[in-house]
Amino acid sequence: MLSVRLMRFGAKKKPSYRIVVMEAKSPRQGKVREFLGTYDPLSDPSEAKIDLEKAKAWLAKGARPSQTVQSLIDRAMKSASR
């Protein structure tokens, strides 16, 4: 089963994340199927850059997003529809 989730990068106490598609049982730094975007929680307000077309395609194929990624996608869709 595929999942859409965050992969942590950055220095200690300064995280940044990549939004990726990977196997659900693989480790956090495991093999990635596709890179969908980035998430920076430290900027004010937090900033997420997501390729919505790729994300929609993977979700249509059955990939399941984590709760955090789902909220980021929802937020990106709201801002894109404005």
PDB file of N, CA and C in Angstrom:
ATOM      1  N   MET A   1       0.845  -1.171   0.000  1.00  0.00           N
ATOM      2  CA  MET A   1       0.000   0.000   0.000  1.00  0.00           C
ATOM      3  C   MET A   1       0.892   1.236   0.000  1.00  0.00           C
ATOM      4  N   LEU A   2       0.514   2.223  -0.786  1.00  0.00           N
ATOM      5  CA  LEU A   2       1.271   3.469  -0.877  1.00  0.00           C
ATOM      6  C   LEU A   2       0.712   4.514   0.070  1.00  0.00           C
ATOM      7  N   SER A   3       1.594   5.347   0.583  1.00  0.00           N
ATOM      8  CA  SER A   3       1.149   6.448   1.433  1.00  0.00           C
ATOM      9  C   SER A   3       1.824   7.738   0.988  1.00  0.00           C
ATOM     10  N   VAL A   4       1.132   8.833   1.197  1.00  0.00           N
ATOM     11  CA  VAL A   4       1.673  10.160   0.946  1.00  0.00           C
ATOM     12  C   VAL A   4       1.990  10.715   2.320  1.00  0.00           C
ATOM     13  N   ARG A   5       3.272  10.984   2.573  1.00  0.00           N
ATOM     14  CA  ARG A   5       3.671  11.405   3.911  1.00  0.00           C
ATOM     15  C   ARG A   5       4.867  12.343   3.867  1.00  0.00           C
ATOM     16  N   LEU A   6       5.275  12.781   5.054  1.00  0.00           N
ATOM     17  CA  LEU A   6       6.381  13.718   5.175  1.00  0.00           C
ATOM     18  C   LEU A   6       7.693  12.973   5.388  1.00  0.00           C
ATOM     19  N   MET A   7       8.752  13.498   4.780  1.00  0.00           N
ATOM     20  CA  MET A   7      10.099  12.985   4.977  1.00  0.00           C
ATOM     21  C   MET A   7      10.914  14.133   5.554  1.00  0.00           C
ATOM     22  N   ARG A   8      11.474  13.939   6.736  1.00  0.00           N
ATOM     23  CA  ARG A   8      12.156  15.031   7.450  1.00  0.00           C
ATOM     24  C   ARG A   8      13.559  15.275   6.920  1.00  0.00           C
ATOM     25  N   PHE A   9      13.877  16.559   6.767  1.00  0.00           N
ATOM     26  CA  PHE A   9      15.222  17.010   6.425  1.00  0.00           C
ATOM     27  C   PHE A   9      15.555  18.172   7.324  1.00  0.00           C
ATOM     28  N   GLY A  10      16.742  18.711   7.208  1.00  0.00           N
ATOM     29  CA  GLY A  10      17.117  19.882   7.977  1.00  0.00           C
ATOM     30  C   GLY A  10      17.961  19.526   9.188  1.00  0.00           C
ATOM     31  N   ALA A  11      18.470  20.564   9.815  1.00  0.00           N
ATOM     32  CA  ALA A  11      19.336  20.396  10.975  1.00  0.00           C
ATOM     33  C   ALA A  11      18.526  20.121  12.233  1.00  0.00           C
ATOM     34  N   LYS A  12      19.231  19.791  13.290  1.00  0.00           N
ATOM     35  CA  LYS A  12      18.586  19.553  14.574  1.00  0.00           C
ATOM     36  C   LYS A  12      17.853  20.820  15.014  1.00  0.00           C
ATOM     37  N   LYS A  13      16.626  20.673  15.464  1.00  0.00           N
ATOM     38  CA  LYS A  13      15.758  21.771  15.917  1.00  0.00           C
ATOM     39  C   LYS A  13      15.338  22.725  14.794  1.00  0.00           C
ATOM     40  N   LYS A  14      15.649  22.407  13.527  1.00  0.00           N
ATOM     41  CA  LYS A  14      15.261  23.240  12.388  1.00  0.00           C
ATOM     42  C   LYS A  14      14.745  22.335  11.271  1.00  0.00           C
ATOM     43  N   PRO A  15      13.577  21.727  11.482  1.00  0.00           N
ATOM     44  CA  PRO A  15      13.097  20.768  10.496  1.00  0.00           C
ATOM     45  C   PRO A  15      12.532  21.429   9.247  1.00  0.00           C
ATOM     46  N   SER A  16      12.658  20.722   8.155  1.00  0.00           N
ATOM     47  CA  SER A  16      11.922  21.017   6.935  1.00  0.00           C
ATOM     48  C   SER A  16      11.546  19.650   6.373  1.00  0.00           C
ATOM     49  N   TYR A  17      10.503  19.608   5.601  1.00  0.00           N
ATOM     50  CA  TYR A  17       9.971  18.325   5.163  1.00  0.00           C
ATOM     51  C   TYR A  17       9.761  18.303   3.664  1.00  0.00           C
ATOM     52  N   ARG A  18       9.840  17.117   3.077  1.00  0.00           N
ATOM     53  CA  ARG A  18       9.439  16.882   1.700  1.00  0.00           C
ATOM     54  C   ARG A  18       8.179  16.029   1.754  1.00  0.00           C
ATOM     55  N   ILE A  19       7.247  16.336   0.884  1.00  0.00           N
ATOM     56  CA  ILE A  19       6.022  15.553   0.779  1.00  0.00           C
ATOM     57  C   ILE A  19       6.271  14.521  -0.307  1.00  0.00           C
ATOM     58  N   VAL A  20       6.194  13.241   0.056  1.00  0.00           N
ATOM     59  CA  VAL A  20       6.593  12.164  -0.841  1.00  0.00           C
ATOM     60  C   VAL A  20       5.542  11.054  -0.885  1.00  0.00           C
ATOM     61  N   VAL A  21       5.625  10.249  -1.943  1.00  0.00           N
ATOM     62  CA  VAL A  21       4.822   9.027  -2.066  1.00  0.00           C
ATOM     63  C   VAL A  21       5.786   7.866  -1.891  1.00  0.00           C
ATOM     64  N   MET A  22       5.470   6.976  -0.953  1.00  0.00           N
ATOM     65  CA  MET A  22       6.323   5.814  -0.706  1.00  0.00           C
ATOM     66  C   MET A  22       5.486   4.672  -0.126  1.00  0.00           C
ATOM     67  N   GLU A  23       6.090   3.496  -0.052  1.00  0.00           N
ATOM     68  CA  GLU A  23       5.418   2.352   0.546  1.00  0.00           C
ATOM     69  C   GLU A  23       5.121   2.653   2.013  1.00  0.00           C
ATOM     70  N   ALA A  24       3.953   2.243   2.485  1.00  0.00           N
ATOM     71  CA  ALA A  24       3.520   2.557   3.844  1.00  0.00           C
ATOM     72  C   ALA A  24       4.431   1.942   4.895  1.00  0.00           C
ATOM     73  N   LYS A  25       5.000   0.776   4.631  1.00  0.00           N
ATOM     74  CA  LYS A  25       5.810   0.093   5.640  1.00  0.00           C
ATOM     75  C   LYS A  25       7.287   0.421   5.551  1.00  0.00           C
ATOM     76  N   SER A  26       7.689   1.252   4.606  1.00  0.00           N
ATOM     77  CA  SER A  26       9.105   1.598   4.493  1.00  0.00           C
ATOM     78  C   SER A  26       9.484   2.635   5.549  1.00  0.00           C
ATOM     79  N   PRO A  27      10.753   2.693   5.936  1.00  0.00           N
ATOM     80  CA  PRO A  27      11.179   3.659   6.951  1.00  0.00           C
ATOM     81  C   PRO A  27      11.067   5.098   6.445  1.00  0.00           C
ATOM     82  N   ARG A  28      11.119   6.043   7.369  1.00  0.00           N
ATOM     83  CA  ARG A  28      10.926   7.455   7.037  1.00  0.00           C
ATOM     84  C   ARG A  28      11.896   7.922   5.950  1.00  0.00           C
ATOM     85  N   GLN A  29      13.124   7.486   5.978  1.00  0.00           N
ATOM     86  CA  GLN A  29      14.117   7.894   4.997  1.00  0.00           C
ATOM     87  C   GLN A  29      14.286   6.832   3.905  1.00  0.00           C
ATOM     88  N   GLY A  30      13.256   6.029   3.663  1.00  0.00           N
ATOM     89  CA  GLY A  30      13.325   4.948   2.697  1.00  0.00           C
ATOM     90  C   GLY A  30      13.215   5.413   1.255  1.00  0.00           C
ATOM     91  N   LYS A  31      13.006   4.441   0.379  1.00  0.00           N
ATOM     92  CA  LYS A  31      12.945   4.700  -1.058  1.00  0.00           C
ATOM     93  C   LYS A  31      11.643   5.425  -1.414  1.00  0.00           C
ATOM     94  N   VAL A  32      11.779   6.495  -2.190  1.00  0.00           N
ATOM     95  CA  VAL A  32      10.649   7.348  -2.547  1.00  0.00           C
ATOM     96  C   VAL A  32      10.168   7.014  -3.954  1.00  0.00           C
ATOM     97  N   ARG A  33       8.851   6.924  -4.129  1.00  0.00           N
ATOM     98  CA  ARG A  33       8.279   6.729  -5.468  1.00  0.00           C
ATOM     99  C   ARG A  33       8.251   8.042  -6.239  1.00  0.00           C
ATOM    100  N   GLU A  34       7.759   9.103  -5.570  1.00  0.00           N
ATOM    101  CA  GLU A  34       7.700  10.410  -6.230  1.00  0.00           C
ATOM    102  C   GLU A  34       7.698  11.520  -5.190  1.00  0.00           C
ATOM    103  N   PHE A  35       8.324  12.624  -5.563  1.00  0.00           N
ATOM    104  CA  PHE A  35       8.421  13.817  -4.742  1.00  0.00           C
ATOM    105  C   PHE A  35       7.284  14.760  -5.154  1.00  0.00           C
ATOM    106  N   LEU A  36       6.441  15.195  -4.185  1.00  0.00           N
ATOM    107  CA  LEU A  36       5.280  16.023  -4.502  1.00  0.00           C
ATOM    108  C   LEU A  36       5.427  17.485  -4.086  1.00  0.00           C
ATOM    109  N   GLY A  37       6.295  17.775  -3.117  1.00  0.00           N
ATOM    110  CA  GLY A  37       6.433  19.155  -2.682  1.00  0.00           C
ATOM    111  C   GLY A  37       7.229  19.282  -1.409  1.00  0.00           C
ATOM    112  N   THR A  38       7.158  20.470  -0.801  1.00  0.00           N
ATOM    113  CA  THR A  38       7.889  20.753   0.428  1.00  0.00           C
ATOM    114  C   THR A  38       6.972  21.389   1.460  1.00  0.00           C
ATOM    115  N   TYR A  39       7.398  21.312   2.725  1.00  0.00           N
ATOM    116  CA  TYR A  39       6.660  21.919   3.829  1.00  0.00           C
ATOM    117  C   TYR A  39       7.671  22.498   4.801  1.00  0.00           C
ATOM    118  N   ASP A  40       7.531  23.792   5.104  1.00  0.00           N
ATOM    119  CA  ASP A  40       8.414  24.479   6.048  1.00  0.00           C
ATOM    120  C   ASP A  40       7.584  24.966   7.228  1.00  0.00           C
ATOM    121  N   PRO A  41       7.603  24.237   8.356  1.00  0.00           N
ATOM    122  CA  PRO A  41       6.777  24.622   9.500  1.00  0.00           C
ATOM    123  C   PRO A  41       7.327  25.806  10.292  1.00  0.00           C
ATOM    124  N   LEU A  42       8.582  26.176  10.085  1.00  0.00           N
ATOM    125  CA  LEU A  42       9.192  27.235  10.880  1.00  0.00           C
ATOM    126  C   LEU A  42       8.921  28.634  10.337  1.00  0.00           C
ATOM    127  N   SER A  43       8.563  28.748   9.060  1.00  0.00           N
ATOM    128  CA  SER A  43       8.259  30.080   8.538  1.00  0.00           C
ATOM    129  C   SER A  43       6.935  30.554   9.139  1.00  0.00           C
ATOM    130  N   ASP A  44       6.730  31.854   9.146  1.00  0.00           N
ATOM    131  CA  ASP A  44       5.512  32.392   9.762  1.00  0.00           C
ATOM    132  C   ASP A  44       4.715  33.152   8.716  1.00  0.00           C
ATOM    133  N   PRO A  45       3.598  32.664   8.256  1.00  0.00           N
ATOM    134  CA  PRO A  45       2.933  31.393   8.553  1.00  0.00           C
ATOM    135  C   PRO A  45       3.644  30.222   7.866  1.00  0.00           C
ATOM    136  N   SER A  46       3.367  29.015   8.330  1.00  0.00           N
ATOM    137  CA  SER A  46       4.023  27.842   7.753  1.00  0.00           C
ATOM    138  C   SER A  46       3.711  27.765   6.262  1.00  0.00           C
ATOM    139  N   GLU A  47       4.689  27.286   5.495  1.00  0.00           N
ATOM    140  CA  GLU A  47       4.597  27.321   4.042  1.00  0.00           C
ATOM    141  C   GLU A  47       4.669  25.915   3.462  1.00  0.00           C
ATOM    142  N   ALA A  48       3.703  25.588   2.612  1.00  0.00           N
ATOM    143  CA  ALA A  48       3.696  24.301   1.922  1.00  0.00           C
ATOM    144  C   ALA A  48       3.578  24.545   0.428  1.00  0.00           C
ATOM    145  N   LYS A  49       4.458  23.927  -0.338  1.00  0.00           N
ATOM    146  CA  LYS A  49       4.408  23.997  -1.791  1.00  0.00           C
ATOM    147  C   LYS A  49       4.145  22.590  -2.293  1.00  0.00           C
ATOM    148  N   ILE A  50       2.972  22.378  -2.907  1.00  0.00           N
ATOM    149  CA  ILE A  50       2.563  21.047  -3.326  1.00  0.00           C
ATOM    150  C   ILE A  50       2.150  21.099  -4.784  1.00  0.00           C
ATOM    151  N   ASP A  51       2.600  20.106  -5.564  1.00  0.00           N
ATOM    152  CA  ASP A  51       2.130  19.950  -6.935  1.00  0.00           C
ATOM    153  C   ASP A  51       0.782  19.232  -6.848  1.00  0.00           C
ATOM    154  N   LEU A  52      -0.290  20.001  -6.904  1.00  0.00           N
ATOM    155  CA  LEU A  52      -1.634  19.442  -6.686  1.00  0.00           C
ATOM    156  C   LEU A  52      -2.039  18.435  -7.757  1.00  0.00           C
ATOM    157  N   GLU A  53      -1.576  18.615  -8.981  1.00  0.00           N
ATOM    158  CA  GLU A  53      -1.924  17.672 -10.047  1.00  0.00           C
ATOM    159  C   GLU A  53      -1.339  16.281  -9.750  1.00  0.00           C
ATOM    160  N   LYS A  54      -0.076  16.251  -9.353  1.00  0.00           N
ATOM    161  CA  LYS A  54       0.551  14.974  -8.990  1.00  0.00           C
ATOM    162  C   LYS A  54      -0.125  14.364  -7.772  1.00  0.00           C
ATOM    163  N   ALA A  55      -0.443  15.201  -6.781  1.00  0.00           N
ATOM    164  CA  ALA A  55      -1.080  14.704  -5.560  1.00  0.00           C
ATOM    165  C   ALA A  55      -2.439  14.092  -5.878  1.00  0.00           C
ATOM    166  N   LYS A  56      -3.245  14.774  -6.684  1.00  0.00           N
ATOM    167  CA  LYS A  56      -4.558  14.242  -7.064  1.00  0.00           C
ATOM    168  C   LYS A  56      -4.419  12.928  -7.822  1.00  0.00           C
ATOM    169  N   ALA A  57      -3.414  12.842  -8.696  1.00  0.00           N
ATOM    170  CA  ALA A  57      -3.201  11.608  -9.458  1.00  0.00           C
ATOM    171  C   ALA A  57      -2.866  10.439  -8.533  1.00  0.00           C
ATOM    172  N   TRP A  58      -1.985  10.652  -7.560  1.00  0.00           N
ATOM    173  CA  TRP A  58      -1.621   9.575  -6.640  1.00  0.00           C
ATOM    174  C   TRP A  58      -2.788   9.199  -5.735  1.00  0.00           C
ATOM    175  N   LEU A  59      -3.566  10.175  -5.299  1.00  0.00           N
ATOM    176  CA  LEU A  59      -4.726   9.863  -4.463  1.00  0.00           C
ATOM    177  C   LEU A  59      -5.760   9.073  -5.260  1.00  0.00           C
ATOM    178  N   ALA A  60      -5.901   9.385  -6.547  1.00  0.00           N
ATOM    179  CA  ALA A  60      -6.820   8.638  -7.407  1.00  0.00           C
ATOM    180  C   ALA A  60      -6.346   7.191  -7.596  1.00  0.00           C
ATOM    181  N   LYS A  61      -5.039   6.975  -7.540  1.00  0.00           N
ATOM    182  CA  LYS A  61      -4.477   5.618  -7.682  1.00  0.00           C
ATOM    183  C   LYS A  61      -4.587   4.814  -6.395  1.00  0.00           C
ATOM    184  N   GLY A  62      -5.008   5.459  -5.292  1.00  0.00           N
ATOM    185  CA  GLY A  62      -5.210   4.729  -4.051  1.00  0.00           C
ATOM    186  C   GLY A  62      -4.204   5.006  -2.957  1.00  0.00           C
ATOM    187  N   ALA A  63      -3.293   5.940  -3.171  1.00  0.00           N
ATOM    188  CA  ALA A  63      -2.337   6.286  -2.112  1.00  0.00           C
ATOM    189  C   ALA A  63      -3.082   6.993  -0.982  1.00  0.00           C
ATOM    190  N   ARG A  64      -2.731   6.658   0.248  1.00  0.00           N
ATOM    191  CA  ARG A  64      -3.412   7.245   1.404  1.00  0.00           C
ATOM    192  C   ARG A  64      -2.528   8.304   2.048  1.00  0.00           C
ATOM    193  N   PRO A  65      -3.037   9.519   2.214  1.00  0.00           N
ATOM    194  CA  PRO A  65      -2.233  10.568   2.854  1.00  0.00           C
ATOM    195  C   PRO A  65      -2.269  10.455   4.370  1.00  0.00           C
ATOM    196  N   SER A  66      -1.188  10.890   5.010  1.00  0.00           N
ATOM    197  CA  SER A  66      -1.195  10.985   6.465  1.00  0.00           C
ATOM    198  C   SER A  66      -2.108  12.141   6.855  1.00  0.00           C
ATOM    199  N   GLN A  67      -2.443  12.256   8.125  1.00  0.00           N
ATOM    200  CA  GLN A  67      -3.339  13.335   8.565  1.00  0.00           C
ATOM    201  C   GLN A  67      -2.737  14.700   8.285  1.00  0.00           C
ATOM    202  N   THR A  68      -1.456  14.848   8.531  1.00  0.00           N
ATOM    203  CA  THR A  68      -0.794  16.131   8.306  1.00  0.00           C
ATOM    204  C   THR A  68      -0.781  16.478   6.826  1.00  0.00           C
ATOM    205  N   VAL A  69      -0.442  15.518   5.985  1.00  0.00           N
ATOM    206  CA  VAL A  69      -0.403  15.776   4.546  1.00  0.00           C
ATOM    207  C   VAL A  69      -1.801  16.075   4.023  1.00  0.00           C
ATOM    208  N   GLN A  70      -2.814  15.396   4.540  1.00  0.00           N
ATOM    209  CA  GLN A  70      -4.190  15.671   4.108  1.00  0.00           C
ATOM    210  C   GLN A  70      -4.574  17.112   4.431  1.00  0.00           C
ATOM    211  N   SER A  71      -4.203  17.587   5.613  1.00  0.00           N
ATOM    212  CA  SER A  71      -4.530  18.968   5.973  1.00  0.00           C
ATOM    213  C   SER A  71      -3.747  19.961   5.111  1.00  0.00           C
ATOM    214  N   LEU A  72      -2.510  19.636   4.765  1.00  0.00           N
ATOM    215  CA  LEU A  72      -1.723  20.507   3.890  1.00  0.00           C
ATOM    216  C   LEU A  72      -2.315  20.564   2.484  1.00  0.00           C
ATOM    217  N   ILE A  73      -2.771  19.428   1.975  1.00  0.00           N
ATOM    218  CA  ILE A  73      -3.400  19.383   0.646  1.00  0.00           C
ATOM    219  C   ILE A  73      -4.697  20.180   0.656  1.00  0.00           C
ATOM    220  N   ASP A  74      -5.504  20.009   1.702  1.00  0.00           N
ATOM    221  CA  ASP A  74      -6.754  20.767   1.810  1.00  0.00           C
ATOM    222  C   ASP A  74      -6.491  22.273   1.829  1.00  0.00           C
ATOM    223  N   ARG A  75      -5.478  22.680   2.597  1.00  0.00           N
ATOM    224  CA  ARG A  75      -5.128  24.092   2.685  1.00  0.00           C
ATOM    225  C   ARG A  75      -4.640  24.623   1.331  1.00  0.00           C
ATOM    226  N   ALA A  76      -3.840  23.820   0.620  1.00  0.00           N
ATOM    227  CA  ALA A  76      -3.336  24.234  -0.690  1.00  0.00           C
ATOM    228  C   ALA A  76      -4.474  24.345  -1.710  1.00  0.00           C
ATOM    229  N   MET A  77      -5.442  23.438  -1.629  1.00  0.00           N
ATOM    230  CA  MET A  77      -6.592  23.494  -2.551  1.00  0.00           C
ATOM    231  C   MET A  77      -7.443  24.723  -2.294  1.00  0.00           C
ATOM    232  N   LYS A  78      -7.633  25.080  -1.016  1.00  0.00           N
ATOM    233  CA  LYS A  78      -8.398  26.269  -0.691  1.00  0.00           C
ATOM    234  C   LYS A  78      -7.716  27.519  -1.226  1.00  0.00           C
ATOM    235  N   SER A  79      -6.412  27.604  -1.056  1.00  0.00           N
ATOM    236  CA  SER A  79      -5.696  28.795  -1.523  1.00  0.00           C
ATOM    237  C   SER A  79      -5.609  28.837  -3.051  1.00  0.00           C
ATOM    238  N   ALA A  80      -5.606  27.663  -3.712  1.00  0.00           N
ATOM    239  CA  ALA A  80      -5.557  27.625  -5.173  1.00  0.00           C
ATOM    240  C   ALA A  80      -6.905  28.019  -5.788  1.00  0.00           C
ATOM    241  N   SER A  81      -7.992  27.771  -5.059  1.00  0.00           N
ATOM    242  CA  SER A  81      -9.318  28.071  -5.609  1.00  0.00           C
ATOM    243  C   SER A  81      -9.698  29.540  -5.451  1.00  0.00           C
ATOM    244  N   ARG A  82      -8.931  30.286  -4.696  1.00  0.00           N
ATOM    245  CA  ARG A  82      -9.235  31.720  -4.495  1.00  0.00           C
ATOM    246  C   ARG A  82      -8.954  32.524  -5.707  1.00  0.00           C
TER     247      ARG A  82
END
